[in-house]
Amino acid sequence: MPTMSFLRPKSLPSSTYHGLDLLETAVIVLDSANTVRYLNPSAETLFELNARETVGRPLSACFAEPGELLCALSAAEHQNANVTEHDVALAVRLGNTIHVSFSVKHIEGSGNALDHGIIMEFRQTDQQRKIVNEERLAAQQQANRQLIRNLAHEIKNPLGGIRGAAQLLHRELSSARLTEYTQVITDEADRLQSLLDRLLTPHRLPQVGELNIHEVLERVRSVVLAETPNGLAVRRDYDTSLPYLYGDKEQLIQAIMNIVRNAVQAMHGAGEIILRTRVSRQATLHRRRLPIALCIQISDNGPGIPDHIRDTLFYPLVSARPGGTGIGLHLAHTFILQHNGTIEFESRPGQTMFTIMLPLNGWSTADVPK
């Protein structure tokens, strides 16, 4: 719901446009007909607009989905008050979606260009949302790991007893039909043991060494193409100028392999996957500002991730695939987290992209999340 304020701002003469040019927050000034009269450089950058093309156009023509902006303007007009909205998703001109908080304020002028106008001030909140989501997911994953560790150890002992009893019974039985049942018990016990071992796999620190991330991606690419020889294309889009990375090569191979295999399974082995590497400058990873970071993007043209599992996608035992264990993406997230990195995804039908960010400099085992 809008937050109403009944304090009118003082008049804002047009000479203050030059001051608005210096603000880091995005500002759009409208007249009483909601036509854009001014936007500062921050607004041009944030909304991917050009001031020369935008001034004189209706606000509704500047955004792909301006509904919430127009509702706030209408509320401000009918309530004769200022309005503030938080965490609003805006679709900008080039198809990107950003999250903002914004305020709508009436301007009282004295016959100048801003007379009876409206000023809208926007603050982007995507970075704050990212930090909150990272912290929430990291805390949840830590709790999950502790739960899994305790549960796995509780299961392993009786599971070993069940398998041993089945083997002893198998030796005593003379009927082939009955020994078939004991073999099923043994096989299922082995399968559960394998699952427990996989759940416990990430509970070691990375074995750090210098590596080329493209060697990691090429290993994944060759394995996946060998597993799916028909109907699958895995394309490269590498920045070959990237410096070496310090990390655990086997863990990174496994993390990326799990993501790519998930994509292959979602596409039923027929589709296109793109492996992309870039440098990200001034990146923030786990509240640390880094001058340079490695960005790995894994995209596919499959059906997308179902809405009902998006918030829990990296949790263990969560899977959209019938019969899936839900361990692969959980392990991928854990391995990336152990490298002080982050992993995110965007998905819609026909386009899913996982983005992995890893620090290139300043990595140490002392910084690895426990």
Protein backbone atom coordinates (compact mmCIF):
# COMPACT_ATOMS: atom_id res chain seq x y z
CA MET A 1 0.00 0.00 0.00
CA PRO A 2 1.25 3.55 -0.68
CA THR A 3 2.70 5.51 2.21
CA MET A 4 0.95 8.88 2.40
CA SER A 5 2.53 12.09 3.61
CA PHE A 6 0.55 15.34 3.89
CA LEU A 7 3.57 17.64 3.93
CA ARG A 8 3.88 19.71 0.79
CA PRO A 9 7.43 20.40 -0.43
CA LYS A 10 8.41 23.96 -1.06
CA SER A 11 8.32 25.37 -4.54
CA LEU A 12 11.04 24.10 -6.88
CA PRO A 13 12.13 26.66 -9.48
CA SER A 14 13.50 25.47 -12.79
CA SER A 15 16.96 26.81 -11.94
CA THR A 16 17.43 23.80 -9.65
CA TYR A 17 17.57 21.46 -12.66
CA HIS A 18 21.35 21.81 -12.59
CA GLY A 19 21.39 20.61 -8.99
CA LEU A 20 19.30 17.57 -9.90
CA ASP A 21 21.91 16.67 -12.52
CA LEU A 22 24.35 15.92 -9.70
CA LEU A 23 22.12 13.50 -7.78
CA GLU A 24 22.91 9.78 -7.73
CA THR A 25 19.21 9.02 -7.37
CA ALA A 26 17.14 9.01 -10.55
CA VAL A 27 14.76 11.97 -10.89
CA ILE A 28 11.92 12.49 -13.38
CA VAL A 29 9.91 15.72 -13.41
CA LEU A 30 6.38 15.66 -14.86
CA ASP A 31 3.83 18.32 -15.58
CA SER A 32 0.20 18.09 -14.47
CA ALA A 33 -0.62 15.92 -17.53
CA ASN A 34 2.08 13.36 -16.56
CA THR A 35 4.26 14.44 -19.47
CA VAL A 36 8.03 14.23 -18.87
CA ARG A 37 9.59 17.68 -18.56
CA TYR A 38 13.00 16.65 -17.26
CA LEU A 39 15.05 13.62 -16.25
CA ASN A 40 18.51 13.71 -14.76
CA PRO A 41 21.53 11.66 -16.00
CA SER A 42 20.98 9.05 -13.27
CA ALA A 43 17.46 8.45 -14.60
CA GLU A 44 18.77 8.13 -18.15
CA THR A 45 21.22 5.45 -17.01
CA LEU A 46 18.85 3.57 -14.73
CA PHE A 47 15.90 3.45 -17.13
CA GLU A 48 17.92 3.22 -20.38
CA LEU A 49 16.35 6.43 -21.67
CA ASN A 50 17.64 9.35 -23.70
CA ALA A 51 16.61 12.77 -22.39
CA ARG A 52 16.25 14.30 -25.84
CA GLU A 53 13.87 11.55 -26.93
CA THR A 54 12.01 11.33 -23.63
CA VAL A 55 11.22 14.94 -22.72
CA GLY A 56 7.77 15.81 -24.03
CA ARG A 57 6.52 12.23 -24.04
CA PRO A 58 3.92 10.78 -21.61
CA LEU A 59 5.41 8.85 -18.72
CA SER A 60 3.40 5.79 -19.78
CA ALA A 61 5.35 5.69 -23.07
CA CYS A 62 8.71 5.48 -21.30
CA PHE A 63 8.21 2.10 -19.60
CA ALA A 64 7.06 -1.28 -20.87
CA GLU A 65 4.73 -1.79 -17.89
CA PRO A 66 4.08 1.58 -16.20
CA GLY A 67 1.01 0.41 -14.25
CA GLU A 68 2.40 0.83 -10.72
CA LEU A 69 3.88 4.24 -11.54
CA LEU A 70 0.55 5.48 -12.88
CA CYS A 71 -1.30 4.07 -9.83
CA ALA A 72 1.06 5.97 -7.53
CA LEU A 73 0.54 9.17 -9.52
CA SER A 74 -3.22 8.69 -9.36
CA ALA A 75 -3.08 8.04 -5.60
CA ALA A 76 -1.01 11.16 -5.07
CA GLU A 77 -3.51 13.22 -7.04
CA HIS A 78 -6.66 11.88 -5.39
CA GLN A 79 -5.24 11.92 -1.86
CA ASN A 80 -3.58 15.31 -2.42
CA ALA A 81 -0.48 13.88 -0.76
CA ASN A 82 2.99 12.51 -1.43
CA VAL A 83 3.32 8.80 -2.08
CA THR A 84 6.20 6.37 -1.49
CA GLU A 85 6.35 2.86 -2.90
CA HIS A 86 8.90 0.19 -2.01
CA ASP A 87 10.32 -2.75 -3.96
CA VAL A 88 8.54 -2.17 -7.26
CA ALA A 89 9.57 -4.19 -10.33
CA LEU A 90 9.90 -2.01 -13.44
CA ALA A 91 10.36 -3.31 -16.98
CA VAL A 92 12.62 -0.85 -18.80
CA ARG A 93 12.92 -0.29 -22.52
CA LEU A 94 15.51 -2.94 -23.44
CA GLY A 95 13.60 -5.74 -21.75
CA ASN A 96 15.43 -5.69 -18.42
CA THR A 97 13.59 -5.66 -15.11
CA ILE A 98 14.87 -3.61 -12.19
CA HIS A 99 13.59 -3.18 -8.65
CA VAL A 100 13.20 0.33 -7.24
CA SER A 101 11.74 2.33 -4.41
CA PHE A 102 10.29 5.67 -5.46
CA SER A 103 8.48 8.71 -4.13
CA VAL A 104 5.96 11.00 -5.83
CA LYS A 105 5.96 14.62 -4.67
CA HIS A 106 3.85 17.56 -5.77
CA ILE A 107 5.67 20.75 -6.70
CA GLU A 108 4.26 24.19 -6.07
CA GLY A 109 5.65 26.76 -8.44
CA SER A 110 5.03 30.35 -9.35
CA GLY A 111 4.37 30.39 -13.04
CA ASN A 112 7.56 28.59 -14.10
CA ALA A 113 7.90 25.31 -15.97
CA LEU A 114 7.35 23.30 -12.80
CA ASP A 115 4.12 24.98 -11.76
CA HIS A 116 1.67 22.34 -10.54
CA GLY A 117 4.11 19.60 -11.53
CA ILE A 118 5.28 16.36 -9.98
CA ILE A 119 8.77 15.13 -9.13
CA MET A 120 9.48 11.39 -8.97
CA GLU A 121 12.65 10.19 -7.24
CA PHE A 122 13.84 6.59 -7.68
CA ARG A 123 16.38 4.46 -5.83
CA GLN A 124 17.42 1.11 -7.25
CA THR A 125 17.11 -1.71 -4.71
CA ASP A 126 18.44 -4.69 -6.70
CA GLN A 127 21.76 -4.70 -4.82
CA GLN A 128 20.04 -4.66 -1.44
CA ARG A 129 17.73 -7.48 -2.57
CA LYS A 130 20.71 -9.47 -3.76
CA ILE A 131 22.52 -9.10 -0.44
CA VAL A 132 19.42 -10.07 1.55
CA ASN A 133 18.78 -13.09 -0.66
CA GLU A 134 22.43 -14.19 -0.44
CA GLU A 135 22.41 -13.98 3.34
CA ARG A 136 19.08 -15.77 3.60
CA LEU A 137 20.18 -18.56 1.30
CA ALA A 138 23.58 -18.91 2.99
CA ALA A 139 21.94 -19.18 6.43
CA GLN A 140 19.43 -21.72 5.13
CA GLN A 141 22.13 -23.75 3.44
CA GLN A 142 24.22 -23.80 6.61
CA ALA A 143 21.24 -25.10 8.55
CA ASN A 144 20.57 -27.65 5.81
CA ARG A 145 24.15 -28.88 5.87
CA GLN A 146 24.08 -29.37 9.62
CA LEU A 147 20.75 -31.18 9.40
CA ILE A 148 21.97 -33.40 6.58
CA ARG A 149 25.20 -34.23 8.38
CA ASN A 150 23.35 -35.29 11.52
CA LEU A 151 20.67 -37.18 9.62
CA ALA A 152 23.17 -39.00 7.41
CA HIS A 153 25.17 -40.24 10.37
CA GLU A 154 21.99 -41.41 12.10
CA ILE A 155 20.94 -43.35 9.00
CA LYS A 156 24.31 -44.92 8.12
CA ASN A 157 24.57 -47.24 11.14
CA PRO A 158 21.16 -48.96 10.86
CA LEU A 159 21.53 -49.01 7.09
CA GLY A 160 24.74 -50.98 7.43
CA GLY A 161 22.95 -53.41 9.74
CA ILE A 162 20.12 -53.89 7.26
CA ARG A 163 22.57 -54.60 4.44
CA GLY A 164 24.57 -57.03 6.53
CA ALA A 165 21.45 -58.92 7.62
CA ALA A 166 20.28 -59.15 4.01
CA GLN A 167 23.63 -60.62 2.96
CA LEU A 168 23.52 -63.23 5.75
CA LEU A 169 19.95 -64.14 4.84
CA HIS A 170 20.95 -64.40 1.17
CA ARG A 171 23.52 -67.09 2.04
CA GLU A 172 21.02 -69.14 4.04
CA LEU A 173 18.26 -69.19 1.43
CA SER A 174 18.19 -71.90 -1.21
CA SER A 175 15.29 -70.58 -3.30
CA ALA A 176 16.33 -68.36 -6.19
CA ARG A 177 13.02 -66.52 -5.95
CA LEU A 178 13.68 -65.60 -2.31
CA THR A 179 17.33 -64.64 -2.83
CA GLU A 180 16.09 -62.22 -5.49
CA TYR A 181 14.30 -60.31 -2.71
CA THR A 182 17.42 -60.16 -0.52
CA GLN A 183 19.38 -58.86 -3.49
CA VAL A 184 16.84 -56.06 -3.87
CA ILE A 185 17.35 -55.16 -0.20
CA THR A 186 21.14 -55.09 -0.68
CA ASP A 187 20.95 -53.01 -3.87
CA GLU A 188 18.60 -50.48 -2.30
CA ALA A 189 20.80 -50.22 0.78
CA ASP A 190 23.78 -49.52 -1.51
CA ARG A 191 21.77 -46.87 -3.35
CA LEU A 192 20.87 -45.13 -0.10
CA GLN A 193 24.50 -45.35 1.03
CA SER A 194 25.58 -43.70 -2.21
CA LEU A 195 23.03 -40.92 -1.69
CA LEU A 196 24.29 -40.33 1.85
CA ASP A 197 27.89 -40.18 0.63
CA ARG A 198 26.90 -37.57 -1.95
CA LEU A 199 25.12 -35.52 0.70
CA LEU A 200 28.23 -35.58 2.87
CA THR A 201 30.65 -34.88 -0.01
CA PRO A 202 30.85 -31.07 0.28
CA HIS A 203 31.91 -31.08 3.94
CA ARG A 204 35.57 -30.54 3.14
CA LEU A 205 37.52 -27.40 2.38
CA PRO A 206 38.56 -26.76 -1.22
CA GLN A 207 41.99 -28.00 -2.31
CA VAL A 208 43.18 -24.69 -3.71
CA GLY A 209 45.45 -24.30 -6.68
CA GLU A 210 45.94 -22.05 -9.68
CA LEU A 211 43.67 -22.97 -12.57
CA ASN A 212 42.31 -21.76 -15.89
CA ILE A 213 38.53 -21.53 -15.74
CA HIS A 214 38.30 -22.37 -19.43
CA GLU A 215 39.93 -25.75 -18.80
CA VAL A 216 37.11 -26.39 -16.31
CA LEU A 217 34.44 -25.40 -18.83
CA GLU A 218 36.03 -27.42 -21.63
CA ARG A 219 36.09 -30.53 -19.42
CA VAL A 220 32.39 -30.07 -18.69
CA ARG A 221 31.63 -29.45 -22.35
CA SER A 222 33.44 -32.56 -23.58
CA VAL A 223 31.82 -34.83 -20.98
CA VAL A 224 28.29 -33.53 -21.63
CA LEU A 225 28.67 -33.83 -25.41
CA ALA A 226 29.95 -37.37 -25.01
CA GLU A 227 26.94 -38.23 -22.84
CA THR A 228 24.47 -36.57 -25.26
CA PRO A 229 25.86 -36.99 -28.78
CA ASN A 230 22.67 -36.16 -30.70
CA GLY A 231 20.56 -33.01 -30.65
CA LEU A 232 22.64 -30.99 -28.15
CA ALA A 233 24.77 -27.94 -28.98
CA VAL A 234 27.15 -26.49 -26.36
CA ARG A 235 28.51 -23.17 -27.59
CA ARG A 236 31.42 -21.16 -26.19
CA ASP A 237 31.57 -17.42 -25.56
CA TYR A 238 34.85 -17.01 -23.67
CA ASP A 239 36.88 -13.99 -22.66
CA THR A 240 40.32 -15.51 -23.25
CA SER A 241 42.06 -12.59 -21.52
CA LEU A 242 40.84 -13.72 -18.09
CA PRO A 243 43.58 -14.21 -15.50
CA TYR A 244 44.07 -17.47 -13.63
CA LEU A 245 41.76 -18.35 -10.77
CA TYR A 246 42.65 -19.84 -7.39
CA GLY A 247 40.28 -22.64 -6.46
CA ASP A 248 39.53 -26.34 -6.30
CA LYS A 249 39.43 -27.55 -9.91
CA GLU A 250 37.49 -30.74 -9.20
CA GLN A 251 34.84 -28.94 -7.15
CA LEU A 252 34.34 -26.29 -9.83
CA ILE A 253 34.07 -28.97 -12.52
CA GLN A 254 31.46 -30.78 -10.44
CA ALA A 255 29.50 -27.58 -9.70
CA ILE A 256 29.31 -26.50 -13.34
CA MET A 257 28.72 -30.08 -14.50
CA ASN A 258 25.67 -30.35 -12.24
CA ILE A 259 24.18 -27.13 -13.64
CA VAL A 260 24.79 -28.16 -17.26
CA ARG A 261 23.43 -31.66 -16.73
CA ASN A 262 20.29 -30.20 -15.18
CA ALA A 263 19.84 -28.10 -18.31
CA VAL A 264 20.36 -31.13 -20.57
CA GLN A 265 17.79 -33.13 -18.62
CA ALA A 266 15.29 -30.25 -18.72
CA MET A 267 15.69 -30.05 -22.52
CA HIS A 268 15.53 -33.86 -22.87
CA GLY A 269 18.93 -33.81 -24.54
CA ALA A 270 17.93 -31.55 -27.44
CA GLY A 271 18.66 -27.82 -27.32
CA GLU A 272 21.41 -25.25 -26.99
CA ILE A 273 23.62 -24.40 -24.02
CA ILE A 274 25.97 -21.40 -23.98
CA LEU A 275 29.02 -21.22 -21.70
CA ARG A 276 30.13 -17.61 -21.25
CA THR A 277 32.95 -15.99 -19.25
CA ARG A 278 33.48 -12.32 -18.53
CA VAL A 279 35.28 -10.01 -16.13
CA SER A 280 33.02 -8.21 -13.66
CA ARG A 281 34.47 -5.02 -12.21
CA GLN A 282 33.60 -3.54 -8.82
CA ALA A 283 31.62 -6.62 -7.84
CA THR A 284 30.16 -7.19 -4.37
CA LEU A 285 30.40 -10.77 -3.10
CA HIS A 286 29.21 -11.57 0.42
CA ARG A 287 29.36 -7.88 1.38
CA ARG A 288 32.95 -7.59 0.12
CA ARG A 289 33.67 -5.07 -2.62
CA LEU A 290 36.12 -6.54 -5.13
CA PRO A 291 37.84 -4.55 -7.89
CA ILE A 292 37.60 -7.55 -10.21
CA ALA A 293 35.70 -10.83 -10.23
CA LEU A 294 35.08 -13.71 -12.60
CA CYS A 295 31.59 -14.07 -14.09
CA ILE A 296 30.50 -17.43 -15.54
CA GLN A 297 27.12 -17.64 -17.25
CA ILE A 298 25.45 -20.90 -18.24
CA SER A 299 22.34 -20.39 -20.35
CA ASP A 300 19.97 -22.78 -22.10
CA ASN A 301 16.84 -22.53 -24.23
CA GLY A 302 14.86 -25.13 -22.29
CA PRO A 303 11.42 -24.87 -20.72
CA GLY A 304 12.55 -22.85 -17.69
CA ILE A 305 12.41 -23.52 -13.96
CA PRO A 306 8.92 -24.09 -12.50
CA ASP A 307 7.68 -21.25 -10.32
CA HIS A 308 6.90 -23.49 -7.35
CA ILE A 309 10.57 -24.45 -6.75
CA ARG A 310 12.36 -21.20 -7.58
CA ASP A 311 12.70 -20.07 -3.97
CA THR A 312 14.01 -23.48 -2.86
CA LEU A 313 15.94 -24.51 -5.96
CA PHE A 314 19.28 -24.87 -4.16
CA TYR A 315 17.85 -26.76 -1.21
CA PRO A 316 18.68 -30.48 -1.00
CA LEU A 317 16.09 -33.00 -2.21
CA VAL A 318 14.25 -30.33 -4.27
CA SER A 319 13.79 -31.30 -7.92
CA ALA A 320 11.34 -30.61 -10.73
CA ARG A 321 12.31 -33.86 -12.47
CA PRO A 322 10.38 -37.03 -11.61
CA GLY A 323 12.80 -39.33 -9.83
CA GLY A 324 15.38 -36.57 -9.34
CA THR A 325 17.30 -36.47 -6.05
CA GLY A 326 17.70 -32.68 -5.93
CA ILE A 327 21.34 -33.04 -4.86
CA GLY A 328 23.07 -31.61 -7.95
CA LEU A 329 22.22 -27.93 -7.56
CA HIS A 330 22.61 -28.14 -3.79
CA LEU A 331 26.18 -29.38 -4.26
CA ALA A 332 26.83 -26.75 -6.93
CA HIS A 333 25.72 -23.99 -4.57
CA THR A 334 27.79 -25.41 -1.72
CA PHE A 335 30.95 -25.67 -3.83
CA ILE A 336 30.57 -22.12 -5.15
CA LEU A 337 29.92 -20.83 -1.63
CA GLN A 338 33.10 -22.56 -0.45
CA HIS A 339 34.96 -20.50 -3.04
CA ASN A 340 33.52 -17.27 -1.60
CA GLY A 341 31.38 -17.00 -4.73
CA THR A 342 27.71 -16.52 -5.49
CA ILE A 343 25.31 -18.30 -7.80
CA GLU A 344 22.02 -16.86 -9.09
CA PHE A 345 19.58 -17.65 -11.85
CA GLU A 346 16.99 -16.01 -14.07
CA SER A 347 14.46 -18.16 -15.85
CA ARG A 348 11.54 -17.94 -18.20
CA PRO A 349 10.25 -20.39 -20.83
CA GLY A 350 12.89 -20.63 -23.54
CA GLN A 351 15.65 -18.91 -21.54
CA THR A 352 17.33 -19.93 -18.28
CA MET A 353 20.63 -18.44 -17.15
CA PHE A 354 22.76 -19.33 -14.13
CA THR A 355 25.34 -16.70 -13.18
CA ILE A 356 28.34 -17.68 -11.04
CA MET A 357 30.56 -14.96 -9.59
CA LEU A 358 33.97 -15.91 -8.18
CA PRO A 359 36.71 -13.71 -6.69
CA LEU A 360 39.91 -13.59 -8.74
CA ASN A 361 42.11 -11.92 -6.15
CA GLY A 362 42.39 -12.08 -2.39
CA TRP A 363 41.04 -15.66 -2.03
CA SER A 364 42.15 -17.56 1.08
CA THR A 365 40.94 -20.65 2.90
CA ALA A 366 40.47 -18.50 6.02
CA ASP A 367 37.61 -16.78 4.21
CA VAL A 368 35.75 -19.93 3.24
CA PRO A 369 32.26 -20.05 4.78
CA LYS A 370 32.04 -22.92 7.28
